[in-house]
C-alpha atoms as a PDB file:
ATOM      1  CA  MET A   1      -0.664-104.044  10.495  1.00  0.00           C
ATOM      2  CA  THR A   2      -3.095-106.713   9.348  1.00  0.00           C
ATOM      3  CA  ARG A   3      -4.708-106.715   5.920  1.00  0.00           C
ATOM      4  CA  LEU A   4      -8.000-105.744   7.576  1.00  0.00           C
ATOM      5  CA  ARG A   5      -6.425-102.721   9.210  1.00  0.00           C
ATOM      6  CA  ALA A   6      -4.817-101.724   5.898  1.00  0.00           C
ATOM      7  CA  LEU A   7      -8.215-101.976   4.222  1.00  0.00           C
ATOM      8  CA  ILE A   8      -9.742 -99.759   6.916  1.00  0.00           C
ATOM      9  CA  PHE A   9      -7.015 -97.158   6.294  1.00  0.00           C
ATOM     10  CA  ALA A  10      -7.717 -97.305   2.572  1.00  0.00           C
ATOM     11  CA  LEU A  11     -11.450 -96.821   3.077  1.00  0.00           C
ATOM     12  CA  LEU A  12     -10.879 -93.907   5.437  1.00  0.00           C
ATOM     13  CA  ALA A  13      -8.448 -92.376   2.963  1.00  0.00           C
ATOM     14  CA  ALA A  14     -11.006 -92.628   0.189  1.00  0.00           C
ATOM     15  CA  LEU A  15     -13.570 -90.863   2.371  1.00  0.00           C
ATOM     16  CA  ILE A  16     -11.260 -88.148   3.635  1.00  0.00           C
ATOM     17  CA  MET A  17      -9.004 -87.474   0.632  1.00  0.00           C
ATOM     18  CA  PRO A  18     -10.324 -88.906  -2.638  1.00  0.00           C
ATOM     19  CA  VAL A  19      -7.764 -89.513  -5.342  1.00  0.00           C
ATOM     20  CA  GLY A  20      -7.384 -86.409  -7.504  1.00  0.00           C
ATOM     21  CA  ALA A  21      -8.784 -84.137  -4.806  1.00  0.00           C
ATOM     22  CA  ALA A  22      -7.065 -80.819  -4.315  1.00  0.00           C
ATOM     23  CA  ALA A  23      -4.509 -81.160  -1.535  1.00  0.00           C
ATOM     24  CA  GLN A  24      -5.640 -79.682   1.738  1.00  0.00           C
ATOM     25  CA  GLY A  25      -3.377 -77.533   3.866  1.00  0.00           C
ATOM     26  CA  ASP A  26      -1.275 -74.426   3.520  1.00  0.00           C
ATOM     27  CA  PHE A  27       0.863 -75.452   0.572  1.00  0.00           C
ATOM     28  CA  THR A  28       3.102 -72.850  -1.009  1.00  0.00           C
ATOM     29  CA  LEU A  29       3.794 -73.750  -4.632  1.00  0.00           C
ATOM     30  CA  PRO A  30       5.380 -71.888  -7.555  1.00  0.00           C
ATOM     31  CA  PRO A  31       2.932 -69.714  -9.512  1.00  0.00           C
ATOM     32  CA  GLY A  32       0.852 -71.765 -11.903  1.00  0.00           C
ATOM     33  CA  TYR A  33       1.286 -75.076 -10.062  1.00  0.00           C
ATOM     34  CA  ARG A  34      -1.228 -77.018  -8.005  1.00  0.00           C
ATOM     35  CA  ALA A  35      -1.159 -80.145  -5.822  1.00  0.00           C
ATOM     36  CA  GLU A  36      -3.584 -83.039  -5.620  1.00  0.00           C
ATOM     37  CA  VAL A  37      -3.849 -86.220  -3.577  1.00  0.00           C
ATOM     38  CA  ILE A  38      -2.818 -89.526  -5.161  1.00  0.00           C
ATOM     39  CA  ALA A  39      -3.009 -91.691  -2.014  1.00  0.00           C
ATOM     40  CA  SER A  40      -3.573 -91.123   1.703  1.00  0.00           C
ATOM     41  CA  GLY A  41      -3.895 -93.187   4.861  1.00  0.00           C
ATOM     42  CA  LEU A  42      -0.234 -94.234   4.704  1.00  0.00           C
ATOM     43  CA  VAL A  43       1.654 -95.061   7.910  1.00  0.00           C
ATOM     44  CA  MET A  44       5.175 -93.623   7.897  1.00  0.00           C
ATOM     45  CA  PRO A  45       5.830 -94.081   4.164  1.00  0.00           C
ATOM     46  CA  THR A  46       9.464 -94.017   3.039  1.00  0.00           C
ATOM     47  CA  HIS A  47       9.715 -94.387  -0.739  1.00  0.00           C
ATOM     48  CA  ALA A  48       7.624 -94.766  -3.896  1.00  0.00           C
ATOM     49  CA  THR A  49       8.085 -96.152  -7.380  1.00  0.00           C
ATOM     50  CA  ILE A  50       5.943 -96.827 -10.444  1.00  0.00           C
ATOM     51  CA  GLY A  51       5.357-100.464 -11.332  1.00  0.00           C
ATOM     52  CA  PRO A  52       5.422-101.987 -14.827  1.00  0.00           C
ATOM     53  CA  GLU A  53       1.629-101.720 -15.040  1.00  0.00           C
ATOM     54  CA  GLY A  54       1.751 -97.990 -14.271  1.00  0.00           C
ATOM     55  CA  LEU A  55       0.552 -98.179 -10.654  1.00  0.00           C
ATOM     56  CA  PHE A  56       2.365 -96.717  -7.646  1.00  0.00           C
ATOM     57  CA  TYR A  57       4.079 -98.945  -5.105  1.00  0.00           C
ATOM     58  CA  ILE A  58       4.976 -97.486  -1.716  1.00  0.00           C
ATOM     59  CA  SER A  59       7.173 -98.793   1.089  1.00  0.00           C
ATOM     60  CA  GLN A  60       6.191 -97.819   4.610  1.00  0.00           C
ATOM     61  CA  LEU A  61       7.466 -98.501   8.122  1.00  0.00           C
ATOM     62  CA  ASN A  62       3.898 -99.070   9.318  1.00  0.00           C
ATOM     63  CA  GLY A  63       4.905 -98.580  12.941  1.00  0.00           C
ATOM     64  CA  PRO A  64       8.038 -98.106  15.080  1.00  0.00           C
ATOM     65  CA  GLU A  65      11.219 -97.950  13.056  1.00  0.00           C
ATOM     66  CA  ASN A  66      12.663-101.257  14.302  1.00  0.00           C
ATOM     67  CA  ALA A  67       9.433-103.202  14.855  1.00  0.00           C
ATOM     68  CA  GLY A  68       9.781-105.335  11.721  1.00  0.00           C
ATOM     69  CA  VAL A  69       6.223-104.568  10.553  1.00  0.00           C
ATOM     70  CA  GLY A  70       7.100-102.713   7.360  1.00  0.00           C
ATOM     71  CA  GLN A  71       5.036-103.133   4.225  1.00  0.00           C
ATOM     72  CA  VAL A  72       4.905-102.581   0.490  1.00  0.00           C
ATOM     73  CA  LEU A  73       1.569-101.229  -0.756  1.00  0.00           C
ATOM     74  CA  ARG A  74       0.119-100.993  -4.239  1.00  0.00           C
ATOM     75  CA  VAL A  75      -1.981 -97.922  -4.971  1.00  0.00           C
ATOM     76  CA  GLY A  76      -4.997 -98.577  -7.157  1.00  0.00           C
ATOM     77  CA  ALA A  77      -6.192 -96.154  -9.814  1.00  0.00           C
ATOM     78  CA  ASP A  78      -8.894 -95.047  -7.347  1.00  0.00           C
ATOM     79  CA  GLY A  79      -6.358 -94.444  -4.551  1.00  0.00           C
ATOM     80  CA  SER A  80      -7.121 -97.721  -2.755  1.00  0.00           C
ATOM     81  CA  LEU A  81      -4.246 -99.422  -0.923  1.00  0.00           C
ATOM     82  CA  THR A  82      -3.412-103.132  -1.195  1.00  0.00           C
ATOM     83  CA  VAL A  83      -0.710-104.763   0.921  1.00  0.00           C
ATOM     84  CA  VAL A  84       1.547-106.825  -1.354  1.00  0.00           C
ATOM     85  CA  LEU A  85       4.383-107.530   1.118  1.00  0.00           C
ATOM     86  CA  GLU A  86       4.582-107.249   4.902  1.00  0.00           C
ATOM     87  CA  ALA A  87       6.670-108.086   7.985  1.00  0.00           C
ATOM     88  CA  LEU A  88       9.633-106.187   6.508  1.00  0.00           C
ATOM     89  CA  ARG A  89      12.434-104.799   8.640  1.00  0.00           C
ATOM     90  CA  LYS A  90      12.744-101.076   8.078  1.00  0.00           C
ATOM     91  CA  PRO A  91      11.988-100.823   4.339  1.00  0.00           C
ATOM     92  CA  THR A  92      13.327 -97.452   3.161  1.00  0.00           C
ATOM     93  CA  GLY A  93      13.647 -97.943  -0.575  1.00  0.00           C
ATOM     94  CA  ILE A  94      11.769 -99.673  -3.377  1.00  0.00           C
ATOM     95  CA  THR A  95      12.293-100.053  -7.147  1.00  0.00           C
ATOM     96  CA  PHE A  96      11.500-102.329 -10.080  1.00  0.00           C
ATOM     97  CA  ALA A  97      14.229-103.778 -12.305  1.00  0.00           C
ATOM     98  CA  ALA A  98      14.333-106.685 -14.749  1.00  0.00           C
ATOM     99  CA  GLY A  99      10.850-107.801 -13.738  1.00  0.00           C
ATOM    100  CA  GLY A 100      11.585-107.935 -10.005  1.00  0.00           C
ATOM    101  CA  LEU A 101      10.713-105.724  -7.049  1.00  0.00           C
ATOM    102  CA  TYR A 102      13.818-104.647  -5.097  1.00  0.00           C
ATOM    103  CA  ILE A 103      13.625-103.390  -1.520  1.00  0.00           C
ATOM    104  CA  ALA A 104      16.262-101.764   0.692  1.00  0.00           C
ATOM    105  CA  ALA A 105      15.401-103.104   4.135  1.00  0.00           C
ATOM    106  CA  GLY A 106      17.578-102.898   7.238  1.00  0.00           C
ATOM    107  CA  ASN A 107      21.079-103.737   6.033  1.00  0.00           C
ATOM    108  CA  ALA A 108      20.007-105.941   3.113  1.00  0.00           C
ATOM    109  CA  VAL A 109      18.661-105.685  -0.417  1.00  0.00           C
ATOM    110  CA  LEU A 110      15.680-107.966  -1.022  1.00  0.00           C
ATOM    111  CA  ARG A 111      14.008-109.101  -4.233  1.00  0.00           C
ATOM    112  CA  SER A 112      10.426-110.261  -4.739  1.00  0.00           C
ATOM    113  CA  MET A 113       9.132-111.624  -8.028  1.00  0.00           C
ATOM    114  CA  PRO A 114       5.530-111.069  -9.145  1.00  0.00           C
ATOM    115  CA  THR A 115       3.411-114.168  -9.645  1.00  0.00           C
ATOM    116  CA  ALA A 116       0.859-114.975 -12.341  1.00  0.00           C
ATOM    117  CA  ASP A 117      -2.086-113.976 -10.122  1.00  0.00           C
ATOM    118  CA  GLY A 118      -0.736-110.484  -9.436  1.00  0.00           C
ATOM    119  CA  THR A 119       0.655-111.218  -5.962  1.00  0.00           C
ATOM    120  CA  PHE A 120       4.320-111.151  -4.978  1.00  0.00           C
ATOM    121  CA  ALA A 121       6.482-114.031  -3.783  1.00  0.00           C
ATOM    122  CA  PRO A 122       8.101-113.725  -0.341  1.00  0.00           C
ATOM    123  CA  PRO A 123      11.145-111.459  -0.722  1.00  0.00           C
ATOM    124  CA  GLN A 124      14.560-113.102  -0.730  1.00  0.00           C
ATOM    125  CA  PRO A 125      17.831-111.414   0.213  1.00  0.00           C
ATOM    126  CA  ILE A 126      20.152-110.960  -2.738  1.00  0.00           C
ATOM    127  CA  ILE A 127      22.675-108.808  -0.842  1.00  0.00           C
ATOM    128  CA  GLU A 128      23.105-109.199   2.920  1.00  0.00           C
ATOM    129  CA  ASN A 129      25.156-107.596   5.683  1.00  0.00           C
ATOM    130  CA  VAL A 130      25.705-104.336   3.846  1.00  0.00           C
ATOM    131  CA  PRO A 131      27.730-102.060   6.148  1.00  0.00           C
ATOM    132  CA  PHE A 132      25.424 -99.315   7.381  1.00  0.00           C
ATOM    133  CA  ASN A 133      25.130 -96.643  10.041  1.00  0.00           C
ATOM    134  CA  GLY A 134      22.517 -98.472  12.118  1.00  0.00           C
ATOM    135  CA  ARG A 135      19.580 -96.498  10.749  1.00  0.00           C
ATOM    136  CA  SER A 136      18.997 -97.620   7.149  1.00  0.00           C
ATOM    137  CA  LEU A 137      20.458 -98.017   3.682  1.00  0.00           C
ATOM    138  CA  GLY A 138      18.308 -95.163   2.418  1.00  0.00           C
ATOM    139  CA  GLN A 139      16.520 -95.338  -0.907  1.00  0.00           C
ATOM    140  CA  ILE A 140      17.149 -97.690  -3.842  1.00  0.00           C
ATOM    141  CA  VAL A 141      16.620 -96.802  -7.494  1.00  0.00           C
ATOM    142  CA  THR A 142      16.981 -98.207 -11.002  1.00  0.00           C
ATOM    143  CA  GLY A 143      19.380 -96.294 -13.211  1.00  0.00           C
ATOM    144  CA  PRO A 144      19.029 -95.550 -16.925  1.00  0.00           C
ATOM    145  CA  ASP A 145      21.318 -98.543 -17.536  1.00  0.00           C
ATOM    146  CA  GLY A 146      18.829-100.917 -15.889  1.00  0.00           C
ATOM    147  CA  ARG A 147      21.068-101.578 -12.908  1.00  0.00           C
ATOM    148  CA  VAL A 148      19.971-101.151  -9.292  1.00  0.00           C
ATOM    149  CA  TYR A 149      21.727 -98.440  -7.261  1.00  0.00           C
ATOM    150  CA  PHE A 150      21.845 -98.263  -3.468  1.00  0.00           C
ATOM    151  CA  GLN A 151      24.238 -97.180  -0.740  1.00  0.00           C
ATOM    152  CA  SER A 152      26.200 -98.587   2.142  1.00  0.00           C
ATOM    153  CA  THR A 153      25.888 -95.792   4.683  1.00  0.00           C
ATOM    154  CA  GLY A 154      29.057 -94.597   6.371  1.00  0.00           C
ATOM    155  CA  ASN A 155      30.064 -96.676   9.384  1.00  0.00           C
ATOM    156  CA  ASP A 156      33.182 -95.617  11.289  1.00  0.00           C
ATOM    157  CA  GLY A 157      33.890 -99.266  12.107  1.00  0.00           C
ATOM    158  CA  VAL A 158      34.264-100.270   8.466  1.00  0.00           C
ATOM    159  CA  PRO A 159      35.207 -97.091   6.540  1.00  0.00           C
ATOM    160  CA  ASP A 160      36.777 -99.126   3.720  1.00  0.00           C
ATOM    161  CA  ARG A 161      33.492-100.931   2.929  1.00  0.00           C
ATOM    162  CA  SER A 162      30.903 -98.279   3.855  1.00  0.00           C
ATOM    163  CA  GLY A 163      30.067 -94.765   2.722  1.00  0.00           C
ATOM    164  CA  GLN A 164      29.630 -96.035  -0.847  1.00  0.00           C
ATOM    165  CA  VAL A 165      27.179 -95.886  -3.727  1.00  0.00           C
ATOM    166  CA  ARG A 166      26.912 -99.444  -5.013  1.00  0.00           C
ATOM    167  CA  THR A 167      25.285-100.947  -8.062  1.00  0.00           C
ATOM    168  CA  TYR A 168      23.805-104.375  -8.731  1.00  0.00           C
ATOM    169  CA  ASP A 169      23.293-105.865 -12.181  1.00  0.00           C
ATOM    170  CA  PRO A 170      20.073-107.950 -12.196  1.00  0.00           C
ATOM    171  CA  GLN A 171      21.234-109.789 -15.314  1.00  0.00           C
ATOM    172  CA  THR A 172      24.572-111.023 -13.975  1.00  0.00           C
ATOM    173  CA  GLY A 173      24.130-110.714 -10.198  1.00  0.00           C
ATOM    174  CA  LYS A 174      27.356-108.714 -10.014  1.00  0.00           C
ATOM    175  CA  GLN A 175      27.700-105.996  -7.365  1.00  0.00           C
ATOM    176  CA  THR A 176      30.249-103.197  -7.768  1.00  0.00           C
ATOM    177  CA  VAL A 177      31.276 -99.994  -5.987  1.00  0.00           C
ATOM    178  CA  PHE A 178      30.302 -96.992  -8.105  1.00  0.00           C
ATOM    179  CA  ALA A 179      31.568 -94.161  -5.844  1.00  0.00           C
ATOM    180  CA  ARG A 180      32.845 -93.775  -2.296  1.00  0.00           C
ATOM    181  CA  GLY A 181      33.373 -91.240   0.478  1.00  0.00           C
ATOM    182  CA  LEU A 182      29.667 -90.504   1.082  1.00  0.00           C
ATOM    183  CA  LYS A 183      28.415 -90.637   4.664  1.00  0.00           C
ATOM    184  CA  ASN A 184      24.760 -91.096   3.720  1.00  0.00           C
ATOM    185  CA  ALA A 185      23.894 -90.763   0.028  1.00  0.00           C
ATOM    186  CA  TYR A 186      20.213 -91.162   0.848  1.00  0.00           C
ATOM    187  CA  ALA A 187      18.552 -90.233  -2.471  1.00  0.00           C
ATOM    188  CA  LEU A 188      19.698 -90.636  -6.082  1.00  0.00           C
ATOM    189  CA  ALA A 189      18.485 -89.148  -9.369  1.00  0.00           C
ATOM    190  CA  TRP A 190      19.658 -88.792 -12.969  1.00  0.00           C
ATOM    191  CA  ASN A 191      19.512 -85.697 -15.157  1.00  0.00           C
ATOM    192  CA  PRO A 192      17.386 -86.770 -18.152  1.00  0.00           C
ATOM    193  CA  ASP A 193      19.246 -84.330 -20.409  1.00  0.00           C
ATOM    194  CA  SER A 194      22.890 -84.853 -19.445  1.00  0.00           C
ATOM    195  CA  GLY A 195      22.657 -88.368 -18.005  1.00  0.00           C
ATOM    196  CA  LEU A 196      24.626 -87.224 -14.936  1.00  0.00           C
ATOM    197  CA  MET A 197      23.865 -88.873 -11.609  1.00  0.00           C
ATOM    198  CA  TYR A 198      23.196 -86.848  -8.434  1.00  0.00           C
ATOM    199  CA  ALA A 199      22.923 -87.795  -4.765  1.00  0.00           C
ATOM    200  CA  THR A 200      21.956 -86.061  -1.564  1.00  0.00           C
ATOM    201  CA  GLU A 201      24.220 -86.608   1.411  1.00  0.00           C
ATOM    202  CA  ILE A 202      23.067 -86.511   5.021  1.00  0.00           C
ATOM    203  CA  ALA A 203      26.057 -85.423   7.088  1.00  0.00           C
ATOM    204  CA  GLU A 204      27.240 -87.250  10.158  1.00  0.00           C
ATOM    205  CA  PRO A 205      26.610 -85.785  13.636  1.00  0.00           C
ATOM    206  CA  PRO A 206      29.209 -83.179  14.625  1.00  0.00           C
ATOM    207  CA  ARG A 207      32.352 -84.500  16.252  1.00  0.00           C
ATOM    208  CA  LEU A 208      33.556 -83.189  19.579  1.00  0.00           C
ATOM    209  CA  GLY A 209      34.320 -79.478  19.437  1.00  0.00           C
ATOM    210  CA  MET A 210      32.988 -79.129  15.895  1.00  0.00           C
ATOM    211  CA  ALA A 211      29.927 -77.288  14.602  1.00  0.00           C
ATOM    212  CA  ALA A 212      27.251 -79.327  12.880  1.00  0.00           C
ATOM    213  CA  PRO A 213      28.323 -79.773   9.243  1.00  0.00           C
ATOM    214  CA  PRO A 214      26.048 -78.772   6.345  1.00  0.00           C
ATOM    215  CA  GLU A 215      24.145 -81.341   4.283  1.00  0.00           C
ATOM    216  CA  GLU A 216      25.132 -81.826   0.647  1.00  0.00           C
ATOM    217  CA  LEU A 217      24.115 -82.408  -2.943  1.00  0.00           C
ATOM    218  CA  ASN A 218      26.745 -84.086  -5.114  1.00  0.00           C
ATOM    219  CA  VAL A 219      27.239 -84.906  -8.779  1.00  0.00           C
ATOM    220  CA  ILE A 220      28.220 -88.564  -8.659  1.00  0.00           C
ATOM    221  CA  ARG A 221      30.822 -89.800 -11.112  1.00  0.00           C
ATOM    222  CA  GLN A 222      31.930 -93.405 -11.414  1.00  0.00           C
ATOM    223  CA  GLY A 223      35.064 -93.918  -9.349  1.00  0.00           C
ATOM    224  CA  GLY A 224      34.550 -90.637  -7.491  1.00  0.00           C
ATOM    225  CA  ASP A 225      35.706 -90.042  -3.906  1.00  0.00           C
ATOM    226  CA  TYR A 226      33.621 -87.537  -1.908  1.00  0.00           C
ATOM    227  CA  GLY A 227      35.833 -87.375   1.149  1.00  0.00           C
ATOM    228  CA  TRP A 228      34.125 -89.130   4.052  1.00  0.00           C
ATOM    229  CA  PRO A 229      35.329 -89.699   6.732  1.00  0.00           C
ATOM    230  CA  LEU A 230      38.335 -87.352   6.475  1.00  0.00           C
ATOM    231  CA  CYS A 231      36.537 -84.569   4.582  1.00  0.00           C
ATOM    232  CA  TYR A 232      33.042 -83.105   4.517  1.00  0.00           C
ATOM    233  CA  ALA A 233      30.917 -80.490   2.730  1.00  0.00           C
ATOM    234  CA  ASP A 234      32.867 -78.695  -0.002  1.00  0.00           C
ATOM    235  CA  GLN A 235      36.273 -80.375   0.511  1.00  0.00           C
ATOM    236  CA  ARG A 236      36.532 -79.213   4.133  1.00  0.00           C
ATOM    237  CA  GLU A 237      38.852 -81.114   6.489  1.00  0.00           C
ATOM    238  CA  HIS A 238      37.927 -83.199   9.534  1.00  0.00           C
ATOM    239  CA  ARG A 239      41.174 -82.211  11.221  1.00  0.00           C
ATOM    240  CA  GLU A 240      40.136 -84.001  14.426  1.00  0.00           C
ATOM    241  CA  ILE A 241      40.572 -87.374  12.694  1.00  0.00           C
ATOM    242  CA  GLY A 242      43.424 -86.653  10.303  1.00  0.00           C
ATOM    243  CA  GLY A 243      41.843 -84.782   7.415  1.00  0.00           C
ATOM    244  CA  ASN A 244      44.129 -82.226   5.792  1.00  0.00           C
ATOM    245  CA  ARG A 245      44.181 -79.873   2.809  1.00  0.00           C
ATOM    246  CA  ASN A 246      46.170 -82.205   0.568  1.00  0.00           C
ATOM    247  CA  ILE A 247      43.726 -85.066   1.080  1.00  0.00           C
ATOM    248  CA  CYS A 248      40.544 -83.024   0.783  1.00  0.00           C
ATOM    249  CA  ALA A 249      41.637 -80.960  -2.218  1.00  0.00           C
ATOM    250  CA  ASP A 250      41.838 -84.236  -4.138  1.00  0.00           C
ATOM    251  CA  THR A 251      38.211 -85.227  -3.433  1.00  0.00           C
ATOM    252  CA  ASP A 252      35.100 -84.418  -5.479  1.00  0.00           C
ATOM    253  CA  PRO A 253      33.488 -81.114  -4.394  1.00  0.00           C
ATOM    254  CA  SER A 254      29.795 -80.790  -3.565  1.00  0.00           C
ATOM    255  CA  LEU A 255      27.441 -79.051  -5.997  1.00  0.00           C
ATOM    256  CA  ALA A 256      25.361 -77.411  -3.253  1.00  0.00           C
ATOM    257  CA  THR A 257      24.987 -77.450   0.505  1.00  0.00           C
ATOM    258  CA  PHE A 258      21.963 -77.121   2.780  1.00  0.00           C
ATOM    259  CA  PRO A 259      21.518 -76.085   6.416  1.00  0.00           C
ATOM    260  CA  PRO A 260      22.960 -78.440   9.053  1.00  0.00           C
ATOM    261  CA  ARG A 261      20.509 -81.166  10.126  1.00  0.00           C
ATOM    262  CA  SER A 262      18.036 -80.277   7.337  1.00  0.00           C
ATOM    263  CA  THR A 263      18.223 -83.931   6.188  1.00  0.00           C
ATOM    264  CA  PRO A 264      17.862 -84.072   2.387  1.00  0.00           C
ATOM    265  CA  THR A 265      15.912 -87.277   1.731  1.00  0.00           C
ATOM    266  CA  GLY A 266      14.257 -86.771  -1.657  1.00  0.00           C
ATOM    267  CA  LEU A 267      15.638 -85.903  -5.085  1.00  0.00           C
ATOM    268  CA  ALA A 268      14.074 -85.621  -8.549  1.00  0.00           C
ATOM    269  CA  PHE A 269      14.407 -83.647 -11.794  1.00  0.00           C
ATOM    270  CA  PHE A 270      11.268 -81.687 -12.618  1.00  0.00           C
ATOM    271  CA  ASP A 271      10.628 -78.835 -15.048  1.00  0.00           C
ATOM    272  CA  GLY A 272      14.341 -78.313 -15.645  1.00  0.00           C
ATOM    273  CA  ARG A 273      15.066 -78.089 -11.930  1.00  0.00           C
ATOM    274  CA  LEU A 274      16.653 -80.487  -9.485  1.00  0.00           C
ATOM    275  CA  VAL A 275      14.157 -80.584  -6.600  1.00  0.00           C
ATOM    276  CA  VAL A 276      15.363 -81.630  -3.143  1.00  0.00           C
ATOM    277  CA  ALA A 277      13.190 -82.576  -0.153  1.00  0.00           C
ATOM    278  CA  LEU A 278      14.590 -81.219   3.131  1.00  0.00           C
ATOM    279  CA  TRP A 279      12.872 -83.603   5.558  1.00  0.00           C
ATOM    280  CA  ASN A 280      14.044 -81.956   8.765  1.00  0.00           C
ATOM    281  CA  ASP A 281      14.500 -78.322   7.842  1.00  0.00           C
ATOM    282  CA  ALA A 282      12.688 -75.660   9.863  1.00  0.00           C
ATOM    283  CA  PRO A 283      10.104 -75.957   8.444  1.00  0.00           C
ATOM    284  CA  PRO A 284      10.426 -79.016   6.157  1.00  0.00           C
ATOM    285  CA  ARG A 285      10.285 -77.890   2.522  1.00  0.00           C
ATOM    286  CA  LEU A 286      11.281 -78.484  -1.078  1.00  0.00           C
ATOM    287  CA  VAL A 287      14.051 -76.458  -2.687  1.00  0.00           C
ATOM    288  CA  ALA A 288      15.184 -76.224  -6.308  1.00  0.00           C
ATOM    289  CA  VAL A 289      18.850 -76.484  -7.300  1.00  0.00           C
ATOM    290  CA  ASP A 290      20.263 -75.289 -10.601  1.00  0.00           C
ATOM    291  CA  PRO A 291      22.182 -78.373 -11.844  1.00  0.00           C
ATOM    292  CA  LYS A 292      24.684 -76.153 -13.655  1.00  0.00           C
ATOM    293  CA  ASN A 293      25.868 -73.882 -10.848  1.00  0.00           C
ATOM    294  CA  GLY A 294      24.319 -75.263  -7.628  1.00  0.00           C
ATOM    295  CA  ALA A 295      22.228 -72.155  -6.890  1.00  0.00           C
ATOM    296  CA  VAL A 296      19.498 -73.017  -4.362  1.00  0.00           C
ATOM    297  CA  SER A 297      16.051 -71.389  -4.370  1.00  0.00           C
ATOM    298  CA  PRO A 298      12.713 -72.085  -2.607  1.00  0.00           C
ATOM    299  CA  PHE A 299      10.301 -74.367  -4.455  1.00  0.00           C
ATOM    300  CA  ALA A 300       7.445 -75.538  -2.216  1.00  0.00           C
ATOM    301  CA  ALA A 301       6.412 -75.680   1.437  1.00  0.00           C
ATOM    302  CA  GLY A 302       3.528 -76.916   3.559  1.00  0.00           C
ATOM    303  CA  PHE A 303       4.346 -80.637   3.520  1.00  0.00           C
ATOM    304  CA  LYS A 304       4.757 -82.152   6.980  1.00  0.00           C
ATOM    305  CA  ARG A 305       7.796 -84.353   6.295  1.00  0.00           C
ATOM    306  CA  PRO A 306       8.611 -84.752   2.584  1.00  0.00           C
ATOM    307  CA  ILE A 307      10.592 -88.007   2.467  1.00  0.00           C
ATOM    308  CA  ALA A 308      10.795 -88.950  -1.227  1.00  0.00           C
ATOM    309  CA  LEU A 309      10.338 -87.401  -4.669  1.00  0.00           C
ATOM    310  CA  LEU A 310       9.489 -89.030  -7.985  1.00  0.00           C
ATOM    311  CA  THR A 311       8.978 -87.642 -11.483  1.00  0.00           C
ATOM    312  CA  SER A 312       6.367 -89.050 -13.866  1.00  0.00           C
ATOM    313  CA  PRO A 313       7.711 -90.831 -16.962  1.00  0.00           C
ATOM    314  CA  ASP A 314       6.637 -87.900 -19.155  1.00  0.00           C
ATOM    315  CA  GLY A 315       8.268 -85.400 -16.786  1.00  0.00           C
ATOM    316  CA  ALA A 316       5.044 -83.411 -16.358  1.00  0.00           C
ATOM    317  CA  SER A 317       4.369 -84.294 -12.709  1.00  0.00           C
ATOM    318  CA  LEU A 318       6.354 -84.319  -9.497  1.00  0.00           C
ATOM    319  CA  TYR A 319       5.177 -86.792  -6.852  1.00  0.00           C
ATOM    320  CA  VAL A 320       5.880 -85.920  -3.217  1.00  0.00           C
ATOM    321  CA  LEU A 321       5.690 -88.605  -0.529  1.00  0.00           C
ATOM    322  CA  ASP A 322       4.938 -87.066   2.872  1.00  0.00           C
ATOM    323  CA  MET A 323       5.985 -89.289   5.774  1.00  0.00           C
ATOM    324  CA  ASP A 324       4.172 -87.520   8.605  1.00  0.00           C
ATOM    325  CA  GLY A 325       1.297 -86.473   6.361  1.00  0.00           C
ATOM    326  CA  GLY A 326       0.769 -90.106   5.344  1.00  0.00           C
ATOM    327  CA  ALA A 327       0.069 -89.155   1.735  1.00  0.00           C
ATOM    328  CA  LEU A 328       1.406 -89.137  -1.814  1.00  0.00           C
ATOM    329  CA  TYR A 329       0.814 -85.873  -3.672  1.00  0.00           C
ATOM    330  CA  ARG A 330       1.110 -84.842  -7.291  1.00  0.00           C
ATOM    331  CA  VAL A 331       2.480 -81.378  -8.123  1.00  0.00           C
ATOM    332  CA  PHE A 332       1.830 -80.213 -11.687  1.00  0.00           C
ATOM    333  CA  ARG A 333       0.748 -77.394 -13.983  1.00  0.00           C
ATOM    334  CA  PRO A 334      -2.980 -77.701 -14.844  1.00  0.00           C
END
């Protein structure tokens, strides 16, 4: 997409869905909550973060998944969209850390530094050839410790180097493995009260003669092993490839599971709840998980394809990025 086309989208968005306007559509929200539009006119958005100046930045595919036309957009206070980076290969995650903008794109982690005039320098790879499943690395986030967290999605060809949550220290440039045994730990979030880290896990396609496995939510501990590829769900065995009770009983159990193929892609703590976006459920929806016991309950519905979730710094707002809806929404109590 050219800058002119992006500007046209922004102008149309401002005309159709002004920033702060009540969200249109058949949204089902908890009693006392409402939703409003923060930005619209997006083209297959994948992830969002808040920049150091308090503005939203959004990564989007901007076209076919493998076309290499991905972008990073900055959302103005009036909802306008400005392209700050383009020609990216499959950008699925975006975060700020130590003054830089980090992007999970294809099978690499890129970094772009802001310049004095408010633009961004061409992104440079800081980590390349990350083992992945051929689709994406998923989202990338900055932890409470200031380090960048991302995943190497499970690849049967390199099981010893994939299926991991990894962390990168912007100060030292050191990369380490934080946890392993996760087929696709797509989204990460931290409990602001306990400091515990959580991750969704998109299960692999069912193996021959096996029913589709459920999707997962896990509490991630440093050094943890969550079972992939020999185990799945709540310590269940992939007997077809050598998984057994002794192996799987020694892995970390899941906190909660979701329907097979529901594809949990978003995760955020909001109002004391752990909210999960089920991108491919029937229909796509948000559910709430009790972080203490894993109990799952409905939270919100009506979004077309909720792909990412983000909580405001004060914890009072939940931001929902809708891939097929092409919009970023705010959910809050008036």
